[in-house]
Amino acid sequence: MALAVPLLASGVGLLAMRLRSTAKELARQGAEASYLAHHDMLTTLPNRRKLEAELFAQAQRGTKSGERLSAAVINLDRFKDLNDTLGHHAGDSILQGVACRLRSCLPETDFVARLGSDEFAVLRRCAALSDADSLSLQIMASFAEPFDVNGHVFDLSASVGVATATSHRAMEDLIRDADIAMHEAKVRNRGGVIRFAPAMAAQIESRRALETDLRHAISKGELVLHYQPIIDAETGLISSVEALLRWTSPKHGTVSPDIFVPLAENCGLMADIGRFVIDQAVQDSRRWPGITTAINVSVVQLKSASVLQDLLEPTRIHGVSPASITLEITESILMTNDPRTLRTLDILKEHGFGLSLDDFGTGYASLAYIRDFPFDKLKIDRSYVAAVDGNARGAEMIRAIVGFGRILGREIIAEGVETEAELAVMKDVGVSHLQGFLFSRPMAAAHIEALVAASESLSDLRPTGARPILRRVS
């Protein structure tokens, strides 16, 4: 017994120590699990679940103090394009940089969270509405300086929606209202701030109905292609046409591409719509042999694993030579000198497709990238064309672009030509091809077919050296 009692006590002590150690480990694991459940691992910011808990706590505090609570929802503009062109590692760096900027630009009393993807949120207790205005200014100030990601320096903007609520409002309404205002900023004032107004909720419902109907627009035959002629500046004849998507809905009427294209991008419909446009444009191109058809291809399409099949299969099915198709690609593709993208463009060139750099002068491309990528044409953005009216500097800018294009052996297209004065400048500086309402608005394929046929028949009767026969087309 004398030996047993000390041994038993020792065993109990060891067991107690083991239990305490186990309890501490369980507590540590529990705390870690709680942290992981309530924080975003990439940015270390609180996540949506933690935000909801904070909203509830803030609302309870507000009941006693009578203060207002403001929420801001922040969405990065064109982040998907940046992520697709620079790569996901660069996209993660951008998100971490934004989180760091927000924490450094806002007071410690503000609650900053990442809602997911490229969206962030901020909560602030406000004694007056001016406090909410100050929140907006501080958020926008965090995007004032350019971001540097892997040696690429670029400006990043954000669309911000702000809502302010009294304490009795349900917490989900506050974030919902700020989110509605943010989407309104995306549409009306990208890169700016919109304060929530009750009328916006009805607009969001209308937009959601539009999205639902857009999902069925292809199968119902509501999406059609129109074509705008591109004119040879020397002869005045149609040298090519650009395919432009149009949507006429029985419920919504004619919907502008400025509305439904961003809507399609946001809800993941661009892949299906892009394939529809390619197939229809290739099929229609058989109606005007000898005339090139230009098709806009997005960065997402070009980086898709199925891009070659999406482009080559329609030409095979419809018996169309790729040489009669020009792919128009925006400057954003050149933001990174991606070897895979360059290889894809080279393969498309090997198959005979023409390549045109669209909206030249509005993106981030360096002259070295333009030199290295195998483009056949440079398309001057309409903002440069519109700037030439009564502006000598604007005309010199166009002249410089034309000279640069000639050095590289590229054709130069000026889009958005709408006045006689603009036409005169384009001809004077040596632009080779012209596009705009001065010549023709986009029209149905049947009208293009008839127009091309009429131009060819008249050109056969023209004496040698006759001036352009195509000017305005109603």
Protein backbone atom coordinates (compact mmCIF):
# COMPACT_ATOMS: atom_id res chain seq x y z
CA MET A 1 0.00 0.00 0.00
CA ALA A 2 2.87 2.32 0.83
CA LEU A 3 4.23 1.84 -2.71
CA ALA A 4 0.85 1.81 -4.44
CA VAL A 5 -0.33 5.21 -3.21
CA PRO A 6 2.64 7.20 -4.63
CA LEU A 7 2.46 5.30 -7.90
CA LEU A 8 -1.25 5.97 -8.20
CA ALA A 9 -0.75 9.66 -7.44
CA SER A 10 2.01 9.84 -10.02
CA GLY A 11 -0.22 8.17 -12.61
CA VAL A 12 -3.06 10.57 -11.88
CA GLY A 13 -0.65 13.50 -12.22
CA LEU A 14 0.61 12.26 -15.56
CA LEU A 15 -2.94 11.72 -16.75
CA ALA A 16 -3.88 15.25 -15.68
CA MET A 17 -0.89 16.67 -17.53
CA ARG A 18 -1.82 14.68 -20.63
CA LEU A 19 -5.39 15.91 -20.40
CA ARG A 20 -4.26 19.53 -20.03
CA SER A 21 -1.93 19.14 -23.02
CA THR A 22 -4.69 17.55 -25.08
CA ALA A 23 -7.11 20.30 -24.06
CA LYS A 24 -4.62 23.00 -25.10
CA GLU A 25 -4.04 21.28 -28.44
CA LEU A 26 -7.77 20.97 -29.02
CA ALA A 27 -8.21 24.61 -28.10
CA ARG A 28 -5.40 25.59 -30.50
CA GLN A 29 -6.91 23.50 -33.29
CA GLY A 30 -10.31 24.96 -32.56
CA ALA A 31 -8.97 28.49 -32.70
CA GLU A 32 -7.16 27.71 -35.94
CA ALA A 33 -10.28 26.15 -37.43
CA SER A 34 -12.30 29.18 -36.36
CA TYR A 35 -9.74 31.51 -37.95
CA LEU A 36 -9.76 29.53 -41.19
CA ALA A 37 -13.55 29.54 -41.21
CA HIS A 38 -13.72 33.31 -40.79
CA HIS A 39 -10.75 34.60 -42.82
CA ASP A 40 -9.63 34.63 -46.44
CA MET A 41 -6.34 32.76 -46.71
CA LEU A 42 -4.99 34.74 -49.69
CA THR A 43 -5.38 38.24 -48.25
CA THR A 44 -5.79 37.30 -44.51
CA LEU A 45 -8.82 39.62 -44.43
CA PRO A 46 -12.04 38.55 -42.74
CA ASN A 47 -14.37 36.69 -45.12
CA ARG A 48 -18.09 37.00 -45.82
CA ARG A 49 -19.06 34.86 -42.82
CA LYS A 50 -17.04 37.06 -40.47
CA LEU A 51 -18.54 40.15 -42.12
CA GLU A 52 -22.06 38.92 -41.41
CA ALA A 53 -21.18 38.35 -37.77
CA GLU A 54 -19.67 41.84 -37.57
CA LEU A 55 -22.77 43.34 -39.19
CA PHE A 56 -24.97 41.73 -36.56
CA ALA A 57 -22.75 42.97 -33.75
CA GLN A 58 -22.62 46.49 -35.20
CA ALA A 59 -26.40 46.56 -35.60
CA GLN A 60 -26.82 45.62 -31.95
CA ARG A 61 -24.47 48.41 -30.91
CA GLY A 62 -26.29 50.86 -33.14
CA THR A 63 -29.58 50.14 -31.41
CA LYS A 64 -28.16 51.60 -28.21
CA SER A 65 -26.19 54.52 -29.61
CA GLY A 66 -28.38 55.57 -32.52
CA GLU A 67 -25.42 55.77 -34.89
CA ARG A 68 -25.68 54.88 -38.55
CA LEU A 69 -23.80 52.08 -40.23
CA SER A 70 -22.32 52.49 -43.72
CA ALA A 71 -21.17 49.71 -46.01
CA ALA A 72 -19.09 49.94 -49.18
CA VAL A 73 -18.82 47.10 -51.70
CA ILE A 74 -15.75 47.34 -53.95
CA ASN A 75 -15.39 45.48 -57.25
CA LEU A 76 -12.17 45.63 -59.28
CA ASP A 77 -12.72 46.77 -62.86
CA ARG A 78 -11.73 44.31 -65.60
CA PHE A 79 -9.96 42.08 -63.11
CA LYS A 80 -10.94 38.98 -65.09
CA ASP A 81 -9.09 40.30 -68.16
CA LEU A 82 -6.03 41.07 -66.04
CA ASN A 83 -6.19 37.63 -64.45
CA ASP A 84 -6.50 35.92 -67.84
CA THR A 85 -3.72 37.91 -69.50
CA LEU A 86 -1.21 38.14 -66.65
CA GLY A 87 -1.94 34.75 -65.10
CA HIS A 88 -3.48 33.61 -61.82
CA HIS A 89 -0.30 34.18 -59.79
CA ALA A 90 -0.29 37.82 -60.88
CA GLY A 91 -4.02 38.00 -60.14
CA ASP A 92 -3.37 36.78 -56.60
CA SER A 93 -0.68 39.43 -56.19
CA ILE A 94 -3.14 42.09 -57.32
CA LEU A 95 -5.72 40.95 -54.73
CA GLN A 96 -3.09 40.95 -51.98
CA GLY A 97 -1.98 44.43 -53.04
CA VAL A 98 -5.54 45.75 -52.95
CA ALA A 99 -6.06 44.29 -49.47
CA CYS A 100 -2.85 45.95 -48.27
CA ARG A 101 -3.84 49.30 -49.80
CA LEU A 102 -7.29 49.24 -48.18
CA ARG A 103 -5.91 48.42 -44.74
CA SER A 104 -3.31 51.19 -45.00
CA CYS A 105 -5.69 53.87 -46.36
CA LEU A 106 -8.58 53.25 -43.95
CA PRO A 107 -8.73 53.78 -40.18
CA GLU A 108 -8.23 50.76 -37.93
CA THR A 109 -11.81 51.18 -36.69
CA ASP A 110 -13.16 50.28 -40.17
CA PHE A 111 -13.93 46.62 -40.79
CA VAL A 112 -12.39 45.48 -44.11
CA ALA A 113 -13.32 42.08 -45.60
CA ARG A 114 -12.95 40.15 -48.81
CA LEU A 115 -16.31 38.94 -50.09
CA GLY A 116 -14.79 36.61 -52.67
CA SER A 117 -13.24 36.72 -56.15
CA ASP A 118 -12.47 40.40 -56.85
CA GLU A 119 -14.92 41.94 -54.36
CA PHE A 120 -14.17 43.60 -51.03
CA ALA A 121 -16.35 45.27 -48.42
CA VAL A 122 -15.86 47.92 -45.74
CA LEU A 123 -18.04 48.70 -42.71
CA ARG A 124 -17.89 52.06 -40.92
CA ARG A 125 -19.87 53.51 -38.06
CA CYS A 126 -21.00 56.98 -39.09
CA ALA A 127 -22.18 59.85 -36.93
CA ALA A 128 -23.17 61.77 -40.07
CA LEU A 129 -23.56 61.20 -43.80
CA SER A 130 -20.31 63.07 -44.36
CA ASP A 131 -18.54 60.11 -42.76
CA ALA A 132 -19.85 57.90 -45.58
CA ASP A 133 -18.60 60.43 -48.16
CA SER A 134 -15.19 60.34 -46.50
CA LEU A 135 -15.22 56.53 -46.75
CA SER A 136 -15.78 56.75 -50.51
CA LEU A 137 -12.93 59.21 -50.96
CA GLN A 138 -10.51 57.11 -48.93
CA ILE A 139 -11.35 53.96 -50.88
CA MET A 140 -10.81 55.71 -54.22
CA ALA A 141 -7.52 57.15 -52.93
CA SER A 142 -6.24 53.61 -52.37
CA PHE A 143 -6.37 53.08 -56.16
CA ALA A 144 -4.72 56.39 -57.08
CA GLU A 145 -1.21 54.95 -57.44
CA PRO A 146 -0.41 52.38 -60.18
CA PHE A 147 0.12 48.75 -59.22
CA ASP A 148 3.37 46.95 -59.98
CA VAL A 149 2.95 43.21 -60.57
CA ASN A 150 5.92 41.18 -61.77
CA GLY A 151 7.42 44.21 -63.45
CA HIS A 152 4.16 45.22 -65.17
CA VAL A 153 2.97 48.65 -64.03
CA PHE A 154 -0.64 49.49 -64.71
CA ASP A 155 -3.53 51.54 -63.35
CA LEU A 156 -6.25 49.57 -61.58
CA SER A 157 -9.65 51.09 -60.93
CA ALA A 158 -12.61 49.92 -58.88
CA SER A 159 -16.36 50.47 -58.94
CA VAL A 160 -17.77 51.22 -55.49
CA GLY A 161 -21.30 51.11 -54.13
CA VAL A 162 -22.15 52.72 -50.79
CA ALA A 163 -25.23 52.27 -48.62
CA THR A 164 -26.04 53.75 -45.21
CA ALA A 165 -28.57 52.22 -42.84
CA THR A 166 -30.07 52.92 -39.45
CA SER A 167 -29.53 50.16 -36.91
CA HIS A 168 -32.96 48.57 -37.22
CA ARG A 169 -32.44 47.56 -40.86
CA ALA A 170 -31.67 43.87 -41.39
CA MET A 171 -27.97 43.30 -41.90
CA GLU A 172 -28.38 41.55 -45.27
CA ASP A 173 -30.21 44.58 -46.65
CA LEU A 174 -27.23 46.85 -46.05
CA ILE A 175 -24.76 44.73 -48.01
CA ARG A 176 -27.39 43.98 -50.64
CA ASP A 177 -28.01 47.71 -51.16
CA ALA A 178 -24.30 48.48 -51.38
CA ASP A 179 -23.91 45.62 -53.87
CA ILE A 180 -26.76 47.00 -55.98
CA ALA A 181 -25.12 50.43 -55.98
CA MET A 182 -21.80 48.84 -56.98
CA HIS A 183 -23.40 47.15 -59.99
CA GLU A 184 -24.96 50.47 -60.93
CA ALA A 185 -21.49 52.03 -60.79
CA LYS A 186 -20.26 49.29 -63.14
CA VAL A 187 -22.87 50.31 -65.68
CA ARG A 188 -23.00 54.09 -65.26
CA ASN A 189 -19.71 55.16 -63.75
CA ARG A 190 -17.07 52.44 -63.99
CA GLY A 191 -14.18 53.41 -61.77
CA GLY A 192 -16.38 55.66 -59.64
CA VAL A 193 -18.70 55.65 -56.61
CA ILE A 194 -22.49 55.37 -56.57
CA ARG A 195 -24.64 55.82 -53.46
CA PHE A 196 -27.61 53.48 -53.16
CA ALA A 197 -31.09 54.76 -54.05
CA PRO A 198 -34.30 52.67 -53.73
CA ALA A 199 -34.99 52.94 -57.48
CA MET A 200 -31.82 50.95 -58.18
CA ALA A 201 -33.35 47.77 -56.79
CA ALA A 202 -35.96 47.77 -59.55
CA GLN A 203 -33.21 48.30 -62.12
CA ILE A 204 -31.29 45.31 -60.77
CA GLU A 205 -34.37 43.13 -61.07
CA SER A 206 -34.77 44.31 -64.66
CA ARG A 207 -31.12 43.47 -65.34
CA ARG A 208 -31.57 40.00 -63.88
CA ALA A 209 -34.57 39.42 -66.12
CA LEU A 210 -32.42 40.58 -69.05
CA GLU A 211 -29.73 38.07 -68.09
CA THR A 212 -32.28 35.25 -67.92
CA ASP A 213 -33.59 36.08 -71.40
CA LEU A 214 -30.06 36.44 -72.79
CA ARG A 215 -29.34 32.84 -71.78
CA HIS A 216 -32.04 31.70 -74.22
CA ALA A 217 -31.46 34.30 -76.94
CA ILE A 218 -29.23 32.09 -79.12
CA SER A 219 -31.59 29.11 -79.18
CA LYS A 220 -34.54 31.41 -79.93
CA GLY A 221 -32.75 33.06 -82.86
CA GLU A 222 -32.80 36.52 -81.27
CA LEU A 223 -29.07 37.15 -81.71
CA VAL A 224 -28.09 38.16 -85.25
CA LEU A 225 -25.02 39.55 -86.95
CA HIS A 226 -24.89 42.84 -88.81
CA TYR A 227 -21.89 43.91 -90.86
CA GLN A 228 -20.27 47.31 -91.29
CA PRO A 229 -18.27 47.91 -94.49
CA ILE A 230 -14.59 48.89 -94.36
CA ILE A 231 -13.61 51.02 -97.33
CA ASP A 232 -10.39 51.09 -99.31
CA ALA A 233 -9.32 54.74 -99.09
CA GLU A 234 -7.78 54.66 -102.58
CA THR A 235 -10.59 53.05 -104.59
CA GLY A 236 -13.63 53.73 -102.40
CA LEU A 237 -14.69 50.09 -102.74
CA ILE A 238 -15.56 47.73 -99.91
CA SER A 239 -12.43 45.83 -98.93
CA SER A 240 -13.83 44.02 -95.88
CA VAL A 241 -16.72 43.96 -93.43
CA GLU A 242 -16.76 43.73 -89.62
CA ALA A 243 -19.22 41.37 -87.95
CA LEU A 244 -21.15 43.09 -85.13
CA LEU A 245 -23.55 41.29 -82.80
CA ARG A 246 -27.12 42.57 -82.35
CA TRP A 247 -29.90 41.44 -80.01
CA THR A 248 -33.57 42.12 -80.55
CA SER A 249 -35.74 40.67 -77.78
CA PRO A 250 -39.56 40.35 -78.01
CA LYS A 251 -39.72 41.43 -74.36
CA HIS A 252 -36.95 44.05 -74.12
CA GLY A 253 -36.81 45.35 -77.69
CA THR A 254 -33.44 46.24 -79.23
CA VAL A 255 -30.75 45.84 -76.57
CA SER A 256 -27.49 47.73 -77.04
CA PRO A 257 -24.26 45.69 -77.17
CA ASP A 258 -22.92 48.07 -74.51
CA ILE A 259 -25.51 46.50 -72.19
CA PHE A 260 -25.70 42.84 -73.14
CA VAL A 261 -22.01 42.16 -73.89
CA PRO A 262 -20.82 43.09 -70.35
CA LEU A 263 -23.84 41.17 -69.04
CA ALA A 264 -22.75 38.09 -71.01
CA GLU A 265 -19.19 38.44 -69.69
CA ASN A 266 -20.37 38.68 -66.09
CA CYS A 267 -22.67 35.65 -66.26
CA GLY A 268 -20.32 33.37 -68.22
CA LEU A 269 -22.12 33.37 -71.58
CA MET A 270 -19.34 34.79 -73.75
CA ALA A 271 -17.90 31.39 -74.70
CA ASP A 272 -21.19 30.20 -76.25
CA ILE A 273 -21.92 33.59 -77.80
CA GLY A 274 -18.38 33.77 -79.20
CA ARG A 275 -18.75 30.38 -80.90
CA PHE A 276 -22.10 31.46 -82.35
CA VAL A 277 -20.58 34.66 -83.77
CA ILE A 278 -17.64 32.82 -85.35
CA ASP A 279 -19.84 30.15 -86.95
CA GLN A 280 -22.41 32.63 -88.30
CA ALA A 281 -19.81 35.10 -89.60
CA VAL A 282 -17.86 32.36 -91.39
CA GLN A 283 -21.08 31.04 -92.93
CA ASP A 284 -22.17 34.54 -94.06
CA SER A 285 -18.73 35.26 -95.57
CA ARG A 286 -19.56 32.87 -98.42
CA ARG A 287 -22.08 35.48 -99.64
CA TRP A 288 -19.37 37.99 -100.57
CA PRO A 289 -16.36 36.10 -102.00
CA GLY A 290 -13.28 38.24 -102.37
CA ILE A 291 -14.29 40.43 -99.42
CA THR A 292 -12.60 39.80 -96.05
CA THR A 293 -14.78 39.31 -92.97
CA ALA A 294 -13.47 40.61 -89.63
CA ILE A 295 -14.53 38.84 -86.42
CA ASN A 296 -13.85 40.19 -82.93
CA VAL A 297 -12.16 37.60 -80.69
CA SER A 298 -11.91 38.29 -76.96
CA VAL A 299 -8.86 37.64 -74.81
CA VAL A 300 -10.74 34.86 -73.02
CA GLN A 301 -11.55 33.15 -76.34
CA LEU A 302 -7.97 33.43 -77.54
CA LYS A 303 -6.64 31.84 -74.36
CA SER A 304 -9.22 29.07 -74.40
CA ALA A 305 -7.95 25.54 -74.99
CA SER A 306 -10.57 25.15 -77.75
CA VAL A 307 -9.75 28.34 -79.67
CA LEU A 308 -8.19 26.56 -82.67
CA GLN A 309 -11.11 24.17 -82.97
CA ASP A 310 -13.62 27.01 -82.51
CA LEU A 311 -12.05 28.87 -85.45
CA LEU A 312 -10.96 26.07 -87.79
CA GLU A 313 -14.03 23.84 -87.54
CA PRO A 314 -16.49 26.43 -88.96
CA THR A 315 -14.18 27.18 -91.91
CA ARG A 316 -14.02 23.44 -92.67
CA ILE A 317 -17.77 22.90 -92.31
CA HIS A 318 -18.74 25.90 -94.45
CA GLY A 319 -15.93 25.50 -96.98
CA VAL A 320 -14.40 28.93 -96.31
CA SER A 321 -10.70 29.70 -96.60
CA PRO A 322 -9.22 31.10 -93.35
CA ALA A 323 -7.49 33.67 -95.57
CA SER A 324 -10.87 35.39 -95.99
CA ILE A 325 -11.28 35.80 -92.22
CA THR A 326 -9.54 38.49 -90.14
CA LEU A 327 -9.51 38.13 -86.36
CA GLU A 328 -9.73 41.45 -84.51
CA ILE A 329 -8.01 41.36 -81.12
CA THR A 330 -7.84 44.18 -78.58
CA GLU A 331 -4.60 45.57 -77.18
CA SER A 332 -5.15 43.92 -73.80
CA ILE A 333 -3.75 40.69 -75.28
CA LEU A 334 -0.36 42.41 -75.41
CA MET A 335 -0.27 43.30 -71.71
CA THR A 336 1.96 40.32 -71.21
CA ASN A 337 4.32 38.82 -73.73
CA ASP A 338 2.83 35.36 -73.16
CA PRO A 339 4.66 32.73 -75.27
CA ARG A 340 1.51 30.57 -75.46
CA THR A 341 -0.53 33.45 -76.84
CA LEU A 342 2.17 34.30 -79.36
CA ARG A 343 2.29 30.65 -80.41
CA THR A 344 -1.50 30.57 -80.82
CA LEU A 345 -1.38 33.66 -83.03
CA ASP A 346 1.44 32.12 -85.06
CA ILE A 347 -0.61 28.93 -85.56
CA LEU A 348 -3.61 30.95 -86.68
CA LYS A 349 -1.39 32.80 -89.14
CA GLU A 350 -0.01 29.49 -90.42
CA HIS A 351 -3.57 28.38 -91.14
CA GLY A 352 -4.13 31.57 -93.13
CA PHE A 353 -6.18 33.78 -90.77
CA GLY A 354 -5.49 37.51 -90.89
CA LEU A 355 -4.88 39.34 -87.61
CA SER A 356 -5.88 42.90 -86.77
CA LEU A 357 -5.01 44.85 -83.59
CA ASP A 358 -8.26 46.58 -82.60
CA ASP A 359 -8.68 49.86 -80.67
CA PHE A 360 -5.00 50.71 -81.14
CA GLY A 361 -3.81 53.41 -78.75
CA THR A 362 -6.23 52.72 -75.88
CA GLY A 363 -4.50 49.82 -74.11
CA TYR A 364 -1.24 48.99 -72.42
CA ALA A 365 0.75 47.59 -75.34
CA SER A 366 4.32 48.66 -75.87
CA LEU A 367 5.68 49.25 -79.36
CA ALA A 368 7.99 46.26 -78.93
CA TYR A 369 5.02 43.94 -78.36
CA ILE A 370 3.26 45.27 -81.44
CA ARG A 371 6.44 44.72 -83.43
CA ASP A 372 6.76 41.11 -82.25
CA PHE A 373 3.12 39.99 -82.58
CA PRO A 374 2.15 38.90 -86.11
CA PHE A 375 -0.60 41.45 -86.83
CA ASP A 376 -1.44 42.39 -90.41
CA LYS A 377 -3.48 45.49 -89.57
CA LEU A 378 -3.65 48.22 -86.93
CA LYS A 379 -7.06 49.71 -86.25
CA ILE A 380 -6.92 53.26 -84.90
CA ASP A 381 -9.41 53.79 -82.09
CA ARG A 382 -12.26 56.18 -82.83
CA SER A 383 -11.20 58.48 -79.97
CA TYR A 384 -8.11 59.45 -82.01
CA VAL A 385 -10.23 59.97 -85.14
CA ALA A 386 -12.73 62.20 -83.33
CA ALA A 387 -9.86 64.31 -81.94
CA VAL A 388 -8.74 65.56 -85.37
CA ASP A 389 -11.61 68.02 -85.91
CA GLY A 390 -9.94 71.43 -85.65
CA ASN A 391 -7.02 69.92 -83.76
CA ALA A 392 -3.62 69.93 -85.46
CA ARG A 393 -2.09 67.81 -82.71
CA GLY A 394 -4.77 65.15 -83.24
CA ALA A 395 -3.92 64.95 -86.93
CA GLU A 396 -0.21 64.60 -86.13
CA MET A 397 -0.99 61.73 -83.78
CA ILE A 398 -2.77 59.91 -86.62
CA ARG A 399 0.14 60.67 -88.95
CA ALA A 400 2.60 59.18 -86.42
CA ILE A 401 0.52 56.01 -86.10
CA VAL A 402 0.35 55.67 -89.88
CA GLY A 403 4.11 56.11 -90.13
CA PHE A 404 4.67 53.49 -87.43
CA GLY A 405 2.37 51.08 -89.25
CA ARG A 406 4.18 51.58 -92.53
CA ILE A 407 7.54 50.85 -90.91
CA LEU A 408 6.12 47.52 -89.70
CA GLY A 409 4.39 46.84 -93.02
CA ARG A 410 0.90 46.94 -91.50
CA GLU A 411 -2.30 48.24 -93.06
CA ILE A 412 -3.92 51.09 -91.11
CA ILE A 413 -7.68 51.25 -90.56
CA ALA A 414 -9.37 54.30 -89.06
CA GLU A 415 -12.68 53.46 -87.36
CA GLY A 416 -15.44 55.86 -86.37
CA VAL A 417 -15.09 58.23 -89.36
CA GLU A 418 -18.26 60.32 -89.19
CA THR A 419 -17.53 63.71 -90.77
CA GLU A 420 -16.10 65.05 -94.01
CA ALA A 421 -13.39 66.83 -92.03
CA GLU A 422 -12.28 63.56 -90.44
CA LEU A 423 -12.28 61.88 -93.84
CA ALA A 424 -10.08 64.63 -95.30
CA VAL A 425 -7.53 64.26 -92.50
CA MET A 426 -7.47 60.46 -92.79
CA LYS A 427 -6.75 60.68 -96.50
CA ASP A 428 -4.14 63.40 -96.02
CA VAL A 429 -2.12 61.41 -93.46
CA GLY A 430 -2.25 58.24 -95.54
CA VAL A 431 -4.74 55.95 -93.75
CA SER A 432 -5.31 52.99 -96.06
CA HIS A 433 -8.80 51.89 -94.95
CA LEU A 434 -11.81 53.69 -93.48
CA GLN A 435 -14.80 52.64 -91.42
CA GLY A 436 -17.64 54.68 -89.94
CA PHE A 437 -21.14 56.09 -90.20
CA LEU A 438 -20.00 58.51 -92.92
CA PHE A 439 -19.97 55.50 -95.26
CA SER A 440 -22.43 53.04 -93.76
CA ARG A 441 -24.06 51.87 -90.59
CA PRO A 442 -24.00 48.14 -89.79
CA MET A 443 -26.50 46.23 -91.93
CA ALA A 444 -27.90 42.75 -92.42
CA ALA A 445 -25.94 40.18 -94.43
CA ALA A 446 -28.41 40.32 -97.33
CA HIS A 447 -27.83 44.09 -97.72
CA ILE A 448 -24.04 43.62 -97.68
CA GLU A 449 -24.36 40.93 -100.34
CA ALA A 450 -26.40 43.25 -102.57
CA LEU A 451 -24.09 46.20 -101.93
CA VAL A 452 -20.97 44.22 -102.83
CA ALA A 453 -22.62 42.92 -106.00
CA ALA A 454 -23.65 46.44 -107.03
CA SER A 455 -20.16 47.81 -106.36
CA GLU A 456 -18.56 45.11 -108.50
CA SER A 457 -20.95 45.63 -111.41
CA LEU A 458 -20.41 49.38 -111.38
CA SER A 459 -16.64 49.00 -111.16
CA ASP A 460 -16.69 46.92 -114.34
CA LEU A 461 -18.28 49.87 -116.19
CA ARG A 462 -16.01 52.52 -114.68
CA PRO A 463 -13.34 54.04 -116.84
CA THR A 464 -9.79 53.41 -115.68
CA GLY A 465 -8.74 55.78 -112.92
CA ALA A 466 -12.31 56.68 -111.92
CA ARG A 467 -12.74 57.91 -108.36
CA PRO A 468 -14.55 56.05 -105.57
CA ILE A 469 -18.06 54.89 -106.30
CA LEU A 470 -19.02 54.20 -102.71
CA ARG A 471 -19.60 57.17 -100.43
CA ARG A 472 -22.65 57.02 -98.20
CA VAL A 473 -24.92 54.03 -97.85
CA SER A 474 -28.32 54.58 -96.23
